[in-house]
């Protein structure tokens, strides 16, 4: 059975965005340290139901976590970003 990904908001720092960009380019997994105050704000990531549950549980406890994004998640995020970019180009030309 295929894994389902759901959007969830995490306010990424500049350093975390840099790590994510590096993972996009190299198509590798990445781990991000997330503080409780970052959760529910800002940037949308595609996470599994298990990851979302873990994020909400640790946020409710006022703790941070290490969020690991798999190589597959990075590839899916990358394809979503590329698709959005292409759609923006198409709509811009209309």
Protein backbone atom coordinates (compact mmCIF):
# COMPACT_ATOMS: atom_id res chain seq x y z
CA UNK A 1 0.00 0.00 0.00
CA UNK A 2 1.30 3.43 -0.93
CA UNK A 3 2.06 5.97 1.76
CA UNK A 4 -0.28 8.95 1.87
CA UNK A 5 1.11 12.41 2.55
CA UNK A 6 -0.84 15.29 4.07
CA UNK A 7 0.07 18.98 4.26
CA UNK A 8 1.09 20.29 7.66
CA UNK A 9 2.55 23.67 8.58
CA UNK A 10 5.94 24.17 10.15
CA UNK A 11 7.66 27.57 10.19
CA UNK A 12 11.06 26.66 8.81
CA UNK A 13 14.12 28.71 9.73
CA UNK A 14 16.50 29.91 7.04
CA UNK A 15 18.94 27.16 8.05
CA UNK A 16 16.23 24.50 7.77
CA UNK A 17 15.22 25.83 4.35
CA UNK A 18 18.85 25.64 3.28
CA UNK A 19 19.05 22.00 4.45
CA UNK A 20 15.80 21.22 2.63
CA UNK A 21 17.07 22.86 -0.58
CA UNK A 22 20.26 20.83 -0.34
CA UNK A 23 18.18 17.64 0.05
CA UNK A 24 16.06 18.66 -2.99
CA UNK A 25 19.15 19.07 -5.15
CA UNK A 26 20.88 15.89 -3.96
CA UNK A 27 17.59 13.92 -3.73
CA UNK A 28 18.50 12.61 -0.27
CA UNK A 29 16.74 12.25 3.07
CA UNK A 30 17.05 15.05 5.62
CA UNK A 31 16.45 15.51 9.35
CA UNK A 32 15.20 18.84 10.71
CA UNK A 33 15.18 19.84 14.38
CA UNK A 34 11.82 21.51 15.00
CA UNK A 35 10.96 23.62 18.05
CA UNK A 36 7.39 23.61 19.41
CA UNK A 37 6.83 27.26 18.48
CA UNK A 38 7.50 26.44 14.80
CA UNK A 39 4.63 23.94 14.60
CA UNK A 40 1.37 24.96 12.95
CA UNK A 41 2.80 28.09 11.31
CA UNK A 42 4.43 29.09 8.06
CA UNK A 43 5.61 26.62 5.46
CA UNK A 44 3.66 23.57 4.30
CA UNK A 45 5.37 20.21 4.26
CA UNK A 46 3.90 16.92 3.12
CA UNK A 47 4.02 14.53 6.07
CA UNK A 48 2.73 11.05 6.82
CA UNK A 49 -0.12 10.58 9.31
CA UNK A 50 2.41 9.11 11.75
CA UNK A 51 4.68 12.15 11.42
CA UNK A 52 1.74 14.55 11.91
CA UNK A 53 0.70 12.64 15.02
CA UNK A 54 4.27 12.79 16.36
CA UNK A 55 4.50 16.53 15.62
CA UNK A 56 1.20 17.30 17.37
CA UNK A 57 2.04 15.10 20.36
CA UNK A 58 5.43 16.71 20.97
CA UNK A 59 4.03 20.23 20.39
CA UNK A 60 1.28 19.59 22.96
CA UNK A 61 3.98 18.55 25.43
CA UNK A 62 5.90 21.75 24.65
CA UNK A 63 8.83 19.78 23.25
CA UNK A 64 10.68 19.84 19.97
CA UNK A 65 11.50 16.93 17.73
CA UNK A 66 13.74 15.72 14.97
CA UNK A 67 11.58 15.45 11.86
CA UNK A 68 13.04 13.02 9.35
CA UNK A 69 11.96 13.42 5.74
CA UNK A 70 12.69 10.35 3.63
CA UNK A 71 14.20 10.36 0.18
CA UNK A 72 10.72 9.54 -1.18
CA UNK A 73 9.18 12.50 0.67
CA UNK A 74 11.86 14.80 -0.72
CA UNK A 75 11.14 13.53 -4.25
CA UNK A 76 7.38 14.08 -3.78
CA UNK A 77 7.91 17.58 -2.34
CA UNK A 78 10.22 18.34 -5.24
CA UNK A 79 7.66 17.21 -7.82
CA UNK A 80 4.95 19.31 -6.13
CA UNK A 81 7.18 22.39 -6.15
CA UNK A 82 8.11 21.84 -9.81
CA UNK A 83 4.44 21.35 -10.77
CA UNK A 84 3.42 24.54 -8.96
CA UNK A 85 6.22 26.43 -10.67
CA UNK A 86 5.14 25.20 -14.10
CA UNK A 87 1.50 26.06 -13.41
CA UNK A 88 2.54 29.58 -12.38
CA UNK A 89 4.40 29.96 -15.67
CA UNK A 90 1.40 28.76 -17.66
CA UNK A 91 -1.04 31.04 -15.83
CA UNK A 92 1.32 33.98 -16.15
CA UNK A 93 1.34 33.61 -19.95
CA UNK A 94 -2.47 33.57 -20.21
